[in-house]
PDB file of N, CA and C in Angstrom:
ATOM      1  N   MET A   1     107.811-120.997  24.422  1.00  0.00           N
ATOM      2  CA  MET A   1     108.401-122.308  24.572  1.00  0.00           C
ATOM      3  C   MET A   1     107.886-122.921  25.863  1.00  0.00           C
ATOM      4  N   LEU A   2     107.538-124.202  25.811  1.00  0.00           N
ATOM      5  CA  LEU A   2     107.099-124.942  26.975  1.00  0.00           C
ATOM      6  C   LEU A   2     108.265-125.694  27.559  1.00  0.00           C
ATOM      7  N   ARG A   3     108.258-125.854  28.855  1.00  0.00           N
ATOM      8  CA  ARG A   3     109.318-126.622  29.510  1.00  0.00           C
ATOM      9  C   ARG A   3     108.717-127.530  30.560  1.00  0.00           C
ATOM     10  N   ALA A   4     109.252-128.724  30.660  1.00  0.00           N
ATOM     11  CA  ALA A   4     108.924-129.651  31.731  1.00  0.00           C
ATOM     12  C   ALA A   4     110.246-130.189  32.249  1.00  0.00           C
ATOM     13  N   GLY A   5     110.524-130.010  33.485  1.00  0.00           N
ATOM     14  CA  GLY A   5     111.802-130.461  34.024  1.00  0.00           C
ATOM     15  C   GLY A   5     112.863-129.392  33.880  1.00  0.00           C
ATOM     16  N   PRO A   6     114.065-129.669  34.391  1.00  0.00           N
ATOM     17  CA  PRO A   6     115.117-128.657  34.486  1.00  0.00           C
ATOM     18  C   PRO A   6     116.007-128.523  33.262  1.00  0.00           C
ATOM     19  N   MET A   7     115.456-128.428  32.074  1.00  0.00           N
ATOM     20  CA  MET A   7     116.256-128.281  30.853  1.00  0.00           C
ATOM     21  C   MET A   7     116.986-126.954  30.888  1.00  0.00           C
ATOM     22  N   GLN A   8     118.264-126.968  30.637  1.00  0.00           N
ATOM     23  CA  GLN A   8     119.082-125.758  30.678  1.00  0.00           C
ATOM     24  C   GLN A   8     119.495-125.337  29.278  1.00  0.00           C
ATOM     25  N   GLU A   9     118.561-125.319  28.354  1.00  0.00           N
ATOM     26  CA  GLU A   9     118.842-124.969  26.966  1.00  0.00           C
ATOM     27  C   GLU A   9     118.192-123.647  26.615  1.00  0.00           C
ATOM     28  N   ASN A  10     118.714-122.979  25.615  1.00  0.00           N
ATOM     29  CA  ASN A  10     118.072-121.795  25.061  1.00  0.00           C
ATOM     30  C   ASN A  10     116.941-122.234  24.142  1.00  0.00           C
ATOM     31  N   ALA A  11     116.129-121.296  23.715  1.00  0.00           N
ATOM     32  CA  ALA A  11     115.035-121.611  22.790  1.00  0.00           C
ATOM     33  C   ALA A  11     115.603-122.230  21.524  1.00  0.00           C
ATOM     34  N   MET A  12     114.893-123.186  20.983  1.00  0.00           N
ATOM     35  CA  MET A  12     115.333-123.879  19.776  1.00  0.00           C
ATOM     36  C   MET A  12     114.669-123.256  18.559  1.00  0.00           C
ATOM     37  N   ALA A  13     115.395-123.131  17.493  1.00  0.00           N
ATOM     38  CA  ALA A  13     114.824-122.651  16.242  1.00  0.00           C
ATOM     39  C   ALA A  13     114.133-123.814  15.540  1.00  0.00           C
ATOM     40  N   CYS A  14     113.106-123.529  14.780  1.00  0.00           N
ATOM     41  CA  CYS A  14     112.395-124.584  14.054  1.00  0.00           C
ATOM     42  C   CYS A  14     113.058-124.911  12.732  1.00  0.00           C
ATOM     43  N   GLY A  15     114.172-124.275  12.431  1.00  0.00           N
ATOM     44  CA  GLY A  15     114.900-124.568  11.200  1.00  0.00           C
ATOM     45  C   GLY A  15     115.686-125.856  11.331  1.00  0.00           C
ATOM     46  N   SER A  16     116.501-126.145  10.358  1.00  0.00           N
ATOM     47  CA  SER A  16     117.263-127.390  10.380  1.00  0.00           C
ATOM     48  C   SER A  16     118.360-127.328  11.432  1.00  0.00           C
ATOM     49  N   ARG A  17     118.728-128.485  11.924  1.00  0.00           N
ATOM     50  CA  ARG A  17     119.785-128.627  12.923  1.00  0.00           C
ATOM     51  C   ARG A  17     120.753-129.685  12.423  1.00  0.00           C
ATOM     52  N   PRO A  18     121.989-129.694  12.916  1.00  0.00           N
ATOM     53  CA  PRO A  18     122.968-130.656  12.424  1.00  0.00           C
ATOM     54  C   PRO A  18     122.649-132.100  12.805  1.00  0.00           C
ATOM     55  N   ASP A  19     122.023-132.331  13.951  1.00  0.00           N
ATOM     56  CA  ASP A  19     121.678-133.686  14.352  1.00  0.00           C
ATOM     57  C   ASP A  19     120.298-134.028  13.795  1.00  0.00           C
ATOM     58  N   ALA A  20     120.124-135.248  13.353  1.00  0.00           N
ATOM     59  CA  ALA A  20     118.871-135.643  12.714  1.00  0.00           C
ATOM     60  C   ALA A  20     117.785-135.891  13.758  1.00  0.00           C
ATOM     61  N   PRO A  21     116.684-135.139  13.695  1.00  0.00           N
ATOM     62  CA  PRO A  21     115.593-135.360  14.643  1.00  0.00           C
ATOM     63  C   PRO A  21     114.768-136.582  14.255  1.00  0.00           C
ATOM     64  N   LEU A  22     114.015-137.096  15.204  1.00  0.00           N
ATOM     65  CA  LEU A  22     113.050-138.155  14.939  1.00  0.00           C
ATOM     66  C   LEU A  22     111.791-137.471  14.421  1.00  0.00           C
ATOM     67  N   ASP A  23     111.497-137.652  13.150  1.00  0.00           N
ATOM     68  CA  ASP A  23     110.383-136.969  12.508  1.00  0.00           C
ATOM     69  C   ASP A  23     109.122-137.818  12.617  1.00  0.00           C
ATOM     70  N   LEU A  24     108.172-137.353  13.416  1.00  0.00           N
ATOM     71  CA  LEU A  24     106.932-138.069  13.677  1.00  0.00           C
ATOM     72  C   LEU A  24     105.745-137.429  12.970  1.00  0.00           C
ATOM     73  N   ARG A  25     106.018-136.413  12.159  1.00  0.00           N
ATOM     74  CA  ARG A  25     104.952-135.725  11.422  1.00  0.00           C
ATOM     75  C   ARG A  25     104.401-136.656  10.351  1.00  0.00           C
ATOM     76  N   GLY A  26     103.118-136.536  10.063  1.00  0.00           N
ATOM     77  CA  GLY A  26     102.502-137.316   9.015  1.00  0.00           C
ATOM     78  C   GLY A  26     102.100-138.720   9.417  1.00  0.00           C
ATOM     79  N   LEU A  27     102.315-139.076  10.669  1.00  0.00           N
ATOM     80  CA  LEU A  27     101.926-140.398  11.144  1.00  0.00           C
ATOM     81  C   LEU A  27     100.574-140.318  11.838  1.00  0.00           C
ATOM     82  N   PRO A  28      99.726-141.357  11.714  1.00  0.00           N
ATOM     83  CA  PRO A  28      98.424-141.331  12.372  1.00  0.00           C
ATOM     84  C   PRO A  28      98.564-141.578  13.874  1.00  0.00           C
ATOM     85  N   ALA A  29      97.680-140.962  14.646  1.00  0.00           N
ATOM     86  CA  ALA A  29      97.660-141.199  16.096  1.00  0.00           C
ATOM     87  C   ALA A  29      97.260-142.661  16.332  1.00  0.00           C
ATOM     88  N   PRO A  30      97.818-143.301  17.316  1.00  0.00           N
ATOM     89  CA  PRO A  30      98.731-142.847  18.358  1.00  0.00           C
ATOM     90  C   PRO A  30     100.201-143.134  18.055  1.00  0.00           C
ATOM     91  N   VAL A  31     100.541-143.357  16.791  1.00  0.00           N
ATOM     92  CA  VAL A  31     101.904-143.746  16.423  1.00  0.00           C
ATOM     93  C   VAL A  31     102.954-142.730  16.869  1.00  0.00           C
ATOM     94  N   PRO A  32     102.765-141.406  16.690  1.00  0.00           N
ATOM     95  CA  PRO A  32     103.809-140.479  17.141  1.00  0.00           C
ATOM     96  C   PRO A  32     104.123-140.602  18.642  1.00  0.00           C
ATOM     97  N   MET A  33     103.100-140.724  19.465  1.00  0.00           N
ATOM     98  CA  MET A  33     103.340-140.835  20.905  1.00  0.00           C
ATOM     99  C   MET A  33     104.038-142.148  21.239  1.00  0.00           C
ATOM    100  N   GLU A  34     103.611-143.236  20.631  1.00  0.00           N
ATOM    101  CA  GLU A  34     104.232-144.537  20.892  1.00  0.00           C
ATOM    102  C   GLU A  34     105.704-144.530  20.498  1.00  0.00           C
ATOM    103  N   ARG A  35     106.011-143.993  19.336  1.00  0.00           N
ATOM    104  CA  ARG A  35     107.409-143.958  18.879  1.00  0.00           C
ATOM    105  C   ARG A  35     108.255-143.014  19.728  1.00  0.00           C
ATOM    106  N   ALA A  36     107.681-141.889  20.116  1.00  0.00           N
ATOM    107  CA  ALA A  36     108.408-140.944  20.963  1.00  0.00           C
ATOM    108  C   ALA A  36     108.752-141.582  22.308  1.00  0.00           C
ATOM    109  N   LEU A  37     107.781-142.229  22.930  1.00  0.00           N
ATOM    110  CA  LEU A  37     108.026-142.865  24.228  1.00  0.00           C
ATOM    111  C   LEU A  37     109.068-143.969  24.114  1.00  0.00           C
ATOM    112  N   ALA A  38     108.988-144.773  23.069  1.00  0.00           N
ATOM    113  CA  ALA A  38     109.973-145.839  22.877  1.00  0.00           C
ATOM    114  C   ALA A  38     111.376-145.257  22.686  1.00  0.00           C
ATOM    115  N   ALA A  39     111.478-144.178  21.925  1.00  0.00           N
ATOM    116  CA  ALA A  39     112.784-143.570  21.652  1.00  0.00           C
ATOM    117  C   ALA A  39     113.397-142.952  22.902  1.00  0.00           C
ATOM    118  N   VAL A  40     112.608-142.240  23.695  1.00  0.00           N
ATOM    119  CA  VAL A  40     113.187-141.594  24.878  1.00  0.00           C
ATOM    120  C   VAL A  40     113.572-142.607  25.945  1.00  0.00           C
ATOM    121  N   GLU A  41     112.885-143.732  25.992  1.00  0.00           N
ATOM    122  CA  GLU A  41     113.255-144.764  26.967  1.00  0.00           C
ATOM    123  C   GLU A  41     114.625-145.355  26.663  1.00  0.00           C
ATOM    124  N   ARG A  42     115.069-145.276  25.424  1.00  0.00           N
ATOM    125  CA  ARG A  42     116.388-145.798  25.034  1.00  0.00           C
ATOM    126  C   ARG A  42     117.516-144.786  25.245  1.00  0.00           C
ATOM    127  N   LEU A  43     117.178-143.557  25.619  1.00  0.00           N
ATOM    128  CA  LEU A  43     118.208-142.528  25.803  1.00  0.00           C
ATOM    129  C   LEU A  43     119.125-142.861  26.969  1.00  0.00           C
ATOM    130  N   GLY A  44     120.403-142.575  26.789  1.00  0.00           N
ATOM    131  CA  GLY A  44     121.341-142.679  27.895  1.00  0.00           C
ATOM    132  C   GLY A  44     121.234-141.431  28.773  1.00  0.00           C
ATOM    133  N   ALA A  45     121.773-141.508  29.971  1.00  0.00           N
ATOM    134  CA  ALA A  45     121.733-140.378  30.901  1.00  0.00           C
ATOM    135  C   ALA A  45     122.441-139.168  30.297  1.00  0.00           C
ATOM    136  N   GLY A  46     121.782-138.013  30.358  1.00  0.00           N
ATOM    137  CA  GLY A  46     122.350-136.780  29.853  1.00  0.00           C
ATOM    138  C   GLY A  46     122.303-136.627  28.345  1.00  0.00           C
ATOM    139  N   VAL A  47     121.664-137.545  27.644  1.00  0.00           N
ATOM    140  CA  VAL A  47     121.600-137.519  26.176  1.00  0.00           C
ATOM    141  C   VAL A  47     120.302-136.846  25.732  1.00  0.00           C
ATOM    142  N   ASP A  48     120.384-136.051  24.670  1.00  0.00           N
ATOM    143  CA  ASP A  48     119.225-135.356  24.097  1.00  0.00           C
ATOM    144  C   ASP A  48     118.667-136.127  22.911  1.00  0.00           C
ATOM    145  N   LEU A  49     117.370-135.960  22.706  1.00  0.00           N
ATOM    146  CA  LEU A  49     116.702-136.449  21.507  1.00  0.00           C
ATOM    147  C   LEU A  49     115.799-135.340  21.024  1.00  0.00           C
ATOM    148  N   GLU A  50     115.865-135.050  19.735  1.00  0.00           N
ATOM    149  CA  GLU A  50     115.002-134.038  19.147  1.00  0.00           C
ATOM    150  C   GLU A  50     113.874-134.724  18.394  1.00  0.00           C
ATOM    151  N   LEU A  51     112.652-134.259  18.622  1.00  0.00           N
ATOM    152  CA  LEU A  51     111.467-134.823  17.998  1.00  0.00           C
ATOM    153  C   LEU A  51     110.749-133.760  17.189  1.00  0.00           C
ATOM    154  N   LEU A  52     110.234-134.131  16.034  1.00  0.00           N
ATOM    155  CA  LEU A  52     109.347-133.274  15.250  1.00  0.00           C
ATOM    156  C   LEU A  52     107.975-133.924  15.305  1.00  0.00           C
ATOM    157  N   THR A  53     106.968-133.179  15.760  1.00  0.00           N
ATOM    158  CA  THR A  53     105.627-133.732  15.914  1.00  0.00           C
ATOM    159  C   THR A  53     104.627-132.939  15.084  1.00  0.00           C
ATOM    160  N   PRO A  54     103.488-133.558  14.728  1.00  0.00           N
ATOM    161  CA  PRO A  54     102.524-132.891  13.853  1.00  0.00           C
ATOM    162  C   PRO A  54     101.817-131.712  14.516  1.00  0.00           C
ATOM    163  N   GLN A  55     101.822-131.659  15.832  1.00  0.00           N
ATOM    164  CA  GLN A  55     101.228-130.558  16.593  1.00  0.00           C
ATOM    165  C   GLN A  55     101.889-130.532  17.958  1.00  0.00           C
ATOM    166  N   MET A  56     101.564-129.547  18.789  1.00  0.00           N
ATOM    167  CA  MET A  56     102.145-129.477  20.118  1.00  0.00           C
ATOM    168  C   MET A  56     101.593-130.643  20.941  1.00  0.00           C
ATOM    169  N   PRO A  57     102.455-131.574  21.357  1.00  0.00           N
ATOM    170  CA  PRO A  57     102.000-132.786  22.033  1.00  0.00           C
ATOM    171  C   PRO A  57     101.899-132.608  23.556  1.00  0.00           C
ATOM    172  N   TYR A  58     100.918-131.842  24.003  1.00  0.00           N
ATOM    173  CA  TYR A  58     100.791-131.545  25.425  1.00  0.00           C
ATOM    174  C   TYR A  58     100.747-132.798  26.306  1.00  0.00           C
ATOM    175  N   PRO A  59      99.976-133.840  25.944  1.00  0.00           N
ATOM    176  CA  PRO A  59      99.983-135.035  26.801  1.00  0.00           C
ATOM    177  C   PRO A  59     101.362-135.696  26.883  1.00  0.00           C
ATOM    178  N   LEU A  60     102.095-135.727  25.779  1.00  0.00           N
ATOM    179  CA  LEU A  60     103.436-136.305  25.779  1.00  0.00           C
ATOM    180  C   LEU A  60     104.374-135.481  26.655  1.00  0.00           C
ATOM    181  N   ILE A  61     104.309-134.169  26.549  1.00  0.00           N
ATOM    182  CA  ILE A  61     105.168-133.294  27.358  1.00  0.00           C
ATOM    183  C   ILE A  61     104.900-133.527  28.845  1.00  0.00           C
ATOM    184  N   GLN A  62     103.635-133.609  29.221  1.00  0.00           N
ATOM    185  CA  GLN A  62     103.289-133.841  30.621  1.00  0.00           C
ATOM    186  C   GLN A  62     103.794-135.205  31.092  1.00  0.00           C
ATOM    187  N   LEU A  63     103.571-136.231  30.291  1.00  0.00           N
ATOM    188  CA  LEU A  63     104.000-137.578  30.661  1.00  0.00           C
ATOM    189  C   LEU A  63     105.516-137.658  30.813  1.00  0.00           C
ATOM    190  N   LEU A  64     106.251-137.053  29.890  1.00  0.00           N
ATOM    191  CA  LEU A  64     107.710-137.067  29.988  1.00  0.00           C
ATOM    192  C   LEU A  64     108.192-136.334  31.230  1.00  0.00           C
ATOM    193  N   GLY A  65     107.565-135.192  31.543  1.00  0.00           N
ATOM    194  CA  GLY A  65     107.911-134.465  32.764  1.00  0.00           C
ATOM    195  C   GLY A  65     107.667-135.307  34.002  1.00  0.00           C
ATOM    196  N   GLU A  66     106.552-136.014  34.038  1.00  0.00           N
ATOM    197  CA  GLU A  66     106.230-136.885  35.175  1.00  0.00           C
ATOM    198  C   GLU A  66     107.235-138.022  35.311  1.00  0.00           C
ATOM    199  N   ARG A  67     107.793-138.449  34.195  1.00  0.00           N
ATOM    200  CA  ARG A  67     108.784-139.534  34.213  1.00  0.00           C
ATOM    201  C   ARG A  67     110.201-139.025  34.457  1.00  0.00           C
ATOM    202  N   GLY A  68     110.347-137.726  34.680  1.00  0.00           N
ATOM    203  CA  GLY A  68     111.639-137.164  35.033  1.00  0.00           C
ATOM    204  C   GLY A  68     112.490-136.672  33.882  1.00  0.00           C
ATOM    205  N   PHE A  69     111.959-136.678  32.669  1.00  0.00           N
ATOM    206  CA  PHE A  69     112.708-136.172  31.527  1.00  0.00           C
ATOM    207  C   PHE A  69     112.611-134.654  31.490  1.00  0.00           C
ATOM    208  N   ALA A  70     113.644-134.000  31.007  1.00  0.00           N
ATOM    209  CA  ALA A  70     113.614-132.564  30.756  1.00  0.00           C
ATOM    210  C   ALA A  70     113.140-132.370  29.319  1.00  0.00           C
ATOM    211  N   VAL A  71     112.187-131.463  29.126  1.00  0.00           N
ATOM    212  CA  VAL A  71     111.603-131.247  27.803  1.00  0.00           C
ATOM    213  C   VAL A  71     111.558-129.758  27.502  1.00  0.00           C
ATOM    214  N   ALA A  72     112.031-129.383  26.317  1.00  0.00           N
ATOM    215  CA  ALA A  72     111.864-128.032  25.800  1.00  0.00           C
ATOM    216  C   ALA A  72     111.096-128.179  24.489  1.00  0.00           C
ATOM    217  N   ALA A  73     110.027-127.400  24.338  1.00  0.00           N
ATOM    218  CA  ALA A  73     109.180-127.527  23.143  1.00  0.00           C
ATOM    219  C   ALA A  73     108.907-126.165  22.543  1.00  0.00           C
ATOM    220  N   GLU A  74     108.825-126.145  21.218  1.00  0.00           N
ATOM    221  CA  GLU A  74     108.527-124.910  20.505  1.00  0.00           C
ATOM    222  C   GLU A  74     107.578-125.204  19.358  1.00  0.00           C
ATOM    223  N   ARG A  75     106.550-124.378  19.232  1.00  0.00           N
ATOM    224  CA  ARG A  75     105.627-124.490  18.101  1.00  0.00           C
ATOM    225  C   ARG A  75     106.286-123.823  16.896  1.00  0.00           C
ATOM    226  N   CYS A  76     106.269-124.499  15.767  1.00  0.00           N
ATOM    227  CA  CYS A  76     106.820-123.959  14.530  1.00  0.00           C
ATOM    228  C   CYS A  76     105.743-123.171  13.786  1.00  0.00           C
ATOM    229  N   ALA A  77     106.162-122.351  12.848  1.00  0.00           N
ATOM    230  CA  ALA A  77     105.240-121.483  12.117  1.00  0.00           C
ATOM    231  C   ALA A  77     104.163-122.268  11.371  1.00  0.00           C
ATOM    232  N   ASP A  78     104.457-123.496  10.973  1.00  0.00           N
ATOM    233  CA  ASP A  78     103.481-124.300  10.227  1.00  0.00           C
ATOM    234  C   ASP A  78     102.534-125.087  11.133  1.00  0.00           C
ATOM    235  N   GLY A  79     102.607-124.885  12.460  1.00  0.00           N
ATOM    236  CA  GLY A  79     101.720-125.563  13.399  1.00  0.00           C
ATOM    237  C   GLY A  79     102.284-126.850  13.963  1.00  0.00           C
ATOM    238  N   THR A  80     103.391-127.320  13.395  1.00  0.00           N
ATOM    239  CA  THR A  80     104.043-128.502  13.954  1.00  0.00           C
ATOM    240  C   THR A  80     104.838-128.084  15.190  1.00  0.00           C
ATOM    241  N   ALA A  81     105.501-129.026  15.810  1.00  0.00           N
ATOM    242  CA  ALA A  81     106.284-128.701  17.005  1.00  0.00           C
ATOM    243  C   ALA A  81     107.631-129.407  16.957  1.00  0.00           C
ATOM    244  N   ARG A  82     108.597-128.791  17.618  1.00  0.00           N
ATOM    245  CA  ARG A  82     109.939-129.345  17.770  1.00  0.00           C
ATOM    246  C   ARG A  82     110.197-129.469  19.265  1.00  0.00           C
ATOM    247  N   LEU A  83     110.566-130.666  19.697  1.00  0.00           N
ATOM    248  CA  LEU A  83     110.856-130.918  21.104  1.00  0.00           C
ATOM    249  C   LEU A  83     112.289-131.393  21.245  1.00  0.00           C
ATOM    250  N   ARG A  84     112.896-131.031  22.341  1.00  0.00           N
ATOM    251  CA  ARG A  84     114.169-131.614  22.733  1.00  0.00           C
ATOM    252  C   ARG A  84     113.934-132.258  24.084  1.00  0.00           C
ATOM    253  N   VAL A  85     114.245-133.550  24.159  1.00  0.00           N
ATOM    254  CA  VAL A  85     114.031-134.335  25.369  1.00  0.00           C
ATOM    255  C   VAL A  85     115.375-134.810  25.869  1.00  0.00           C
ATOM    256  N   ARG A  86     115.587-134.728  27.181  1.00  0.00           N
ATOM    257  CA  ARG A  86     116.845-135.189  27.771  1.00  0.00           C
ATOM    258  C   ARG A  86     116.547-136.044  28.995  1.00  0.00           C
ATOM    259  N   ARG A  87     117.226-137.197  29.027  1.00  0.00           N
ATOM    260  CA  ARG A  87     117.177-138.028  30.239  1.00  0.00           C
ATOM    261  C   ARG A  87     118.200-137.411  31.197  1.00  0.00           C
ATOM    262  N   PRO A  88     117.779-137.067  32.393  1.00  0.00           N
ATOM    263  CA  PRO A  88     118.722-136.468  33.343  1.00  0.00           C
ATOM    264  C   PRO A  88     119.884-137.407  33.661  1.00  0.00           C
ATOM    265  N   ALA A  89     121.038-136.830  33.937  1.00  0.00           N
ATOM    266  CA  ALA A  89     122.206-137.618  34.345  1.00  0.00           C
ATOM    267  C   ALA A  89     121.856-138.382  35.613  1.00  0.00           C
ATOM    268  N   GLY A  90     122.303-139.613  35.690  1.00  0.00           N
ATOM    269  CA  GLY A  90     122.067-140.423  36.874  1.00  0.00           C
ATOM    270  C   GLY A  90     120.748-141.176  36.863  1.00  0.00           C
ATOM    271  N   ARG A  91     120.030-141.154  35.742  1.00  0.00           N
ATOM    272  CA  ARG A  91     118.739-141.870  35.669  1.00  0.00           C
ATOM    273  C   ARG A  91     118.809-142.961  34.643  1.00  0.00           C
TER     274      ARG A  91
END
């Protein structure tokens, strides 16, 4: 699992979760990155967003870390990735 920022979560499973993730798989580049950035900018402080991406989005993870977001990422068995992004409290 990759981490950027001080995320205090355990490893995430790539299976289904009760909250609906933003599914960016199957979209042509650069649409997944554009939609992910737009979605995380709307997050309230301390709120999580789960993203499903077509592959491990290393540039997105780095950019989010630089912008102060906490990111936990896991590669799924099919080569896609699941990310959890959180805007830190007070930002």
